[in-house]
C-alpha cells in the first residue's frame, strides 16, 4: 500500500468514525425530540429523519452529515443537531 493509499484509507476511516459519532449523539436526543414534535419517521433510503413540527413544518435531518433541510423554506442548515436543540428543544 502506497503512502497516498494509506492516507486515503485513514481519511475514509476518520470520516466514517465522525459520522457514526454524530449518529450516536442524535440518538441521545431522539426521545426528547419525539416529545416536542408531531411525528418523527426514519427514511432508510435517504438515511434521514422526517420531522414534523408545529412551527417549522416538515424538516429532514441527516444525522451522519449533521444537516437539516427545511422543506418549506428550501433551506439547508448546518450544524443540524445544534439547530434542532436550540430551535425545537428549547
N, C-alpha and C. Protein backbone atom coordinates (compact mmCIF):
# COMPACT_ATOMS: atom_id res chain seq x y z
N UNK A 1 0.86 -1.18 0.00
CA UNK A 1 0.00 0.00 0.00
C UNK A 1 0.90 1.24 0.00
N UNK A 2 0.67 2.12 -0.95
CA UNK A 2 1.48 3.32 -1.03
C UNK A 2 1.05 4.31 0.06
N UNK A 3 1.87 5.31 0.24
CA UNK A 3 1.59 6.33 1.25
C UNK A 3 0.28 7.05 0.95
N UNK A 4 0.04 7.34 -0.33
CA UNK A 4 -1.19 8.03 -0.73
C UNK A 4 -2.42 7.17 -0.45
N UNK A 5 -2.34 5.89 -0.77
CA UNK A 5 -3.45 4.98 -0.49
C UNK A 5 -3.70 4.87 1.01
N UNK A 6 -2.61 4.84 1.77
CA UNK A 6 -2.73 4.76 3.23
C UNK A 6 -3.42 6.00 3.79
N UNK A 7 -3.08 7.18 3.26
CA UNK A 7 -3.70 8.43 3.69
C UNK A 7 -5.19 8.45 3.34
N UNK A 8 -5.53 7.96 2.15
CA UNK A 8 -6.94 7.89 1.74
C UNK A 8 -7.73 6.97 2.66
N UNK A 9 -7.14 5.84 3.00
CA UNK A 9 -7.81 4.90 3.92
C UNK A 9 -8.04 5.56 5.27
N UNK A 10 -7.03 6.26 5.76
CA UNK A 10 -7.15 6.93 7.05
C UNK A 10 -8.22 8.00 7.05
N UNK A 11 -8.30 8.76 5.96
CA UNK A 11 -9.32 9.80 5.83
C UNK A 11 -10.72 9.20 5.81
N UNK A 12 -10.89 8.12 5.02
CA UNK A 12 -12.20 7.45 4.97
C UNK A 12 -12.59 6.91 6.35
N UNK A 13 -11.64 6.33 7.03
CA UNK A 13 -11.91 5.78 8.36
C UNK A 13 -12.29 6.89 9.34
N UNK A 14 -11.60 8.02 9.27
CA UNK A 14 -11.90 9.15 10.15
C UNK A 14 -13.28 9.71 9.86
N UNK A 15 -13.63 9.86 8.59
CA UNK A 15 -14.97 10.35 8.21
C UNK A 15 -16.06 9.40 8.71
N UNK A 16 -15.83 8.12 8.53
CA UNK A 16 -16.81 7.12 8.97
C UNK A 16 -17.00 7.21 10.49
N UNK A 17 -15.90 7.36 11.21
CA UNK A 17 -15.98 7.47 12.68
C UNK A 17 -16.76 8.72 13.10
N UNK A 18 -16.50 9.84 12.42
CA UNK A 18 -17.20 11.08 12.74
C UNK A 18 -18.70 10.95 12.47
N UNK A 19 -19.05 10.32 11.36
CA UNK A 19 -20.47 10.14 11.03
C UNK A 19 -21.17 9.25 12.04
N UNK A 20 -20.51 8.20 12.47
CA UNK A 20 -21.10 7.31 13.47
C UNK A 20 -21.26 8.03 14.81
N UNK A 21 -20.31 8.87 15.16
CA UNK A 21 -20.40 9.64 16.40
C UNK A 21 -21.57 10.61 16.35
N UNK A 22 -21.77 11.26 15.21
CA UNK A 22 -22.91 12.18 15.06
C UNK A 22 -24.23 11.43 15.19
N UNK A 23 -24.28 10.23 14.63
CA UNK A 23 -25.49 9.42 14.71
C UNK A 23 -25.79 9.05 16.17
N UNK A 24 -24.76 8.72 16.93
CA UNK A 24 -24.93 8.38 18.35
C UNK A 24 -25.42 9.59 19.15
N UNK A 25 -24.87 10.76 18.88
CA UNK A 25 -25.30 11.97 19.59
C UNK A 25 -26.78 12.24 19.33
N UNK A 26 -27.19 12.08 18.07
CA UNK A 26 -28.60 12.30 17.75
C UNK A 26 -29.48 11.29 18.47
N UNK A 27 -29.04 10.05 18.55
CA UNK A 27 -29.82 9.01 19.23
C UNK A 27 -30.07 9.37 20.69
N UNK A 28 -29.14 10.08 21.31
CA UNK A 28 -29.32 10.52 22.70
C UNK A 28 -30.44 11.56 22.81
N UNK A 29 -30.59 12.40 21.81
CA UNK A 29 -31.61 13.46 21.82
C UNK A 29 -32.97 12.99 21.29
N UNK A 30 -33.00 11.87 20.61
CA UNK A 30 -34.21 11.42 19.93
C UNK A 30 -35.44 11.27 20.84
N UNK A 31 -35.33 10.66 22.03
CA UNK A 31 -36.53 10.56 22.88
C UNK A 31 -37.12 11.92 23.26
N UNK A 32 -36.27 12.87 23.57
CA UNK A 32 -36.73 14.22 23.93
C UNK A 32 -37.35 14.90 22.72
N UNK A 33 -36.75 14.70 21.58
CA UNK A 33 -37.25 15.30 20.34
C UNK A 33 -38.63 14.75 19.99
N UNK A 34 -38.85 13.48 20.22
CA UNK A 34 -40.15 12.86 19.93
C UNK A 34 -41.27 13.49 20.76
N UNK A 35 -40.95 13.93 21.96
CA UNK A 35 -41.94 14.58 22.82
C UNK A 35 -42.35 15.94 22.29
N UNK A 36 -41.45 16.63 21.62
CA UNK A 36 -41.68 18.01 21.17
C UNK A 36 -42.24 18.13 19.75
N UNK A 37 -42.22 17.04 19.00
CA UNK A 37 -42.62 17.09 17.60
C UNK A 37 -43.92 16.32 17.37
N UNK A 38 -44.57 16.64 16.27
CA UNK A 38 -45.80 15.96 15.89
C UNK A 38 -45.49 14.52 15.50
N UNK A 39 -44.48 14.34 14.65
CA UNK A 39 -44.07 12.98 14.25
C UNK A 39 -42.61 12.98 13.82
N UNK A 40 -41.99 11.81 13.96
CA UNK A 40 -40.62 11.60 13.50
C UNK A 40 -40.57 10.22 12.86
N UNK A 41 -40.13 10.18 11.61
CA UNK A 41 -40.02 8.91 10.90
C UNK A 41 -38.65 8.81 10.24
N UNK A 42 -38.07 7.64 10.32
CA UNK A 42 -36.76 7.41 9.69
C UNK A 42 -36.96 6.89 8.27
N UNK A 43 -36.23 7.45 7.31
CA UNK A 43 -36.27 7.01 5.92
C UNK A 43 -34.95 6.33 5.60
N UNK A 44 -34.99 5.00 5.47
CA UNK A 44 -33.76 4.24 5.23
C UNK A 44 -33.11 4.53 3.88
N UNK A 45 -33.91 4.81 2.86
CA UNK A 45 -33.35 5.06 1.53
C UNK A 45 -32.53 6.35 1.51
N UNK A 46 -32.99 7.37 2.23
CA UNK A 46 -32.28 8.66 2.23
C UNK A 46 -31.40 8.82 3.46
N UNK A 47 -31.43 7.89 4.37
CA UNK A 47 -30.66 7.94 5.62
C UNK A 47 -30.92 9.23 6.38
N UNK A 48 -32.21 9.56 6.48
CA UNK A 48 -32.57 10.79 7.19
C UNK A 48 -33.85 10.58 7.98
N UNK A 49 -34.12 11.54 8.84
CA UNK A 49 -35.36 11.56 9.62
C UNK A 49 -36.25 12.66 9.07
N UNK A 50 -37.52 12.33 8.87
CA UNK A 50 -38.53 13.33 8.54
C UNK A 50 -39.15 13.75 9.87
N UNK A 51 -39.05 15.01 10.18
CA UNK A 51 -39.54 15.54 11.46
C UNK A 51 -40.62 16.56 11.16
N UNK A 52 -41.80 16.35 11.72
CA UNK A 52 -42.89 17.30 11.54
C UNK A 52 -43.05 18.08 12.84
N UNK A 53 -42.97 19.40 12.71
CA UNK A 53 -43.03 20.29 13.87
C UNK A 53 -44.09 21.35 13.62
N UNK A 54 -44.77 21.77 14.69
CA UNK A 54 -45.86 22.74 14.54
C UNK A 54 -45.37 24.10 14.02
N UNK A 55 -44.20 24.54 14.41
CA UNK A 55 -43.70 25.85 13.98
C UNK A 55 -42.93 25.79 12.66
N UNK A 56 -42.10 24.77 12.47
CA UNK A 56 -41.20 24.71 11.31
C UNK A 56 -41.73 23.83 10.18
N UNK A 57 -42.85 23.17 10.39
CA UNK A 57 -43.39 22.29 9.36
C UNK A 57 -42.56 21.02 9.24
N UNK A 58 -42.47 20.51 8.03
CA UNK A 58 -41.72 19.28 7.78
C UNK A 58 -40.26 19.63 7.51
N UNK A 59 -39.37 18.97 8.24
CA UNK A 59 -37.94 19.13 8.02
C UNK A 59 -37.31 17.75 7.89
N UNK A 60 -36.16 17.72 7.24
CA UNK A 60 -35.37 16.49 7.14
C UNK A 60 -34.10 16.71 7.95
N UNK A 61 -33.74 15.68 8.71
CA UNK A 61 -32.47 15.75 9.44
C UNK A 61 -31.61 14.57 9.03
N UNK A 62 -30.40 14.88 8.62
CA UNK A 62 -29.42 13.88 8.22
C UNK A 62 -28.37 13.80 9.32
N UNK A 63 -28.52 12.85 10.26
CA UNK A 63 -27.64 12.84 11.43
C UNK A 63 -26.16 12.60 11.11
N UNK A 64 -25.87 11.74 10.16
CA UNK A 64 -24.47 11.46 9.86
C UNK A 64 -23.78 12.64 9.20
N UNK A 65 -24.51 13.44 8.45
CA UNK A 65 -23.95 14.64 7.83
C UNK A 65 -24.14 15.87 8.71
N UNK A 66 -24.97 15.75 9.76
CA UNK A 66 -25.28 16.84 10.68
C UNK A 66 -25.89 18.04 9.96
N UNK A 67 -26.88 17.74 9.10
CA UNK A 67 -27.55 18.79 8.33
C UNK A 67 -29.06 18.71 8.52
N UNK A 68 -29.69 19.87 8.49
CA UNK A 68 -31.15 19.98 8.50
C UNK A 68 -31.57 20.62 7.19
N UNK A 69 -32.65 20.11 6.61
CA UNK A 69 -33.23 20.74 5.43
C UNK A 69 -34.65 21.13 5.76
N UNK A 70 -34.92 22.45 5.76
CA UNK A 70 -36.28 22.94 5.99
C UNK A 70 -37.00 22.90 4.65
N UNK A 71 -37.97 22.02 4.54
CA UNK A 71 -38.65 21.82 3.26
C UNK A 71 -39.43 23.05 2.85
N UNK A 72 -40.15 23.66 3.78
CA UNK A 72 -40.98 24.83 3.47
C UNK A 72 -40.14 25.98 2.91
N UNK A 73 -38.98 26.23 3.51
CA UNK A 73 -38.13 27.34 3.09
C UNK A 73 -37.08 26.93 2.05
N UNK A 74 -36.98 25.62 1.80
CA UNK A 74 -35.94 25.09 0.91
C UNK A 74 -34.58 25.61 1.33
N UNK A 75 -34.24 25.37 2.60
CA UNK A 75 -33.02 25.93 3.18
C UNK A 75 -32.26 24.85 3.94
N UNK A 76 -30.94 24.78 3.69
CA UNK A 76 -30.06 23.87 4.41
C UNK A 76 -29.49 24.59 5.64
N UNK A 77 -29.38 23.85 6.73
CA UNK A 77 -28.82 24.40 7.96
C UNK A 77 -27.77 23.43 8.49
N UNK A 78 -26.62 23.99 8.82
CA UNK A 78 -25.55 23.19 9.38
C UNK A 78 -24.85 24.00 10.45
N UNK A 79 -24.58 23.52 11.61
CA UNK A 79 -24.76 22.16 12.12
C UNK A 79 -26.21 21.88 12.52
N UNK A 80 -26.71 20.78 12.04
CA UNK A 80 -28.12 20.45 12.19
C UNK A 80 -28.56 20.10 13.60
N UNK A 81 -27.75 19.32 14.30
CA UNK A 81 -28.15 18.91 15.65
C UNK A 81 -28.22 20.12 16.58
N UNK A 82 -27.29 21.03 16.45
CA UNK A 82 -27.32 22.25 17.27
C UNK A 82 -28.59 23.05 16.98
N UNK A 83 -28.96 23.14 15.70
CA UNK A 83 -30.17 23.87 15.33
C UNK A 83 -31.40 23.20 15.93
N UNK A 84 -31.47 21.86 15.86
CA UNK A 84 -32.61 21.16 16.45
C UNK A 84 -32.72 21.42 17.94
N UNK A 85 -31.59 21.34 18.63
CA UNK A 85 -31.61 21.55 20.08
C UNK A 85 -32.01 22.99 20.41
N UNK A 86 -31.46 23.96 19.72
CA UNK A 86 -31.74 25.37 20.02
C UNK A 86 -33.13 25.80 19.61
N UNK A 87 -33.66 25.27 18.52
CA UNK A 87 -34.94 25.76 18.00
C UNK A 87 -36.13 24.89 18.34
N UNK A 88 -35.95 23.64 18.54
CA UNK A 88 -37.08 22.76 18.83
C UNK A 88 -37.12 22.34 20.30
N UNK A 89 -35.98 22.06 20.87
CA UNK A 89 -35.95 21.53 22.23
C UNK A 89 -35.94 22.62 23.31
N UNK A 90 -35.69 23.86 22.93
CA UNK A 90 -35.65 24.91 23.95
C UNK A 90 -36.70 25.96 23.70
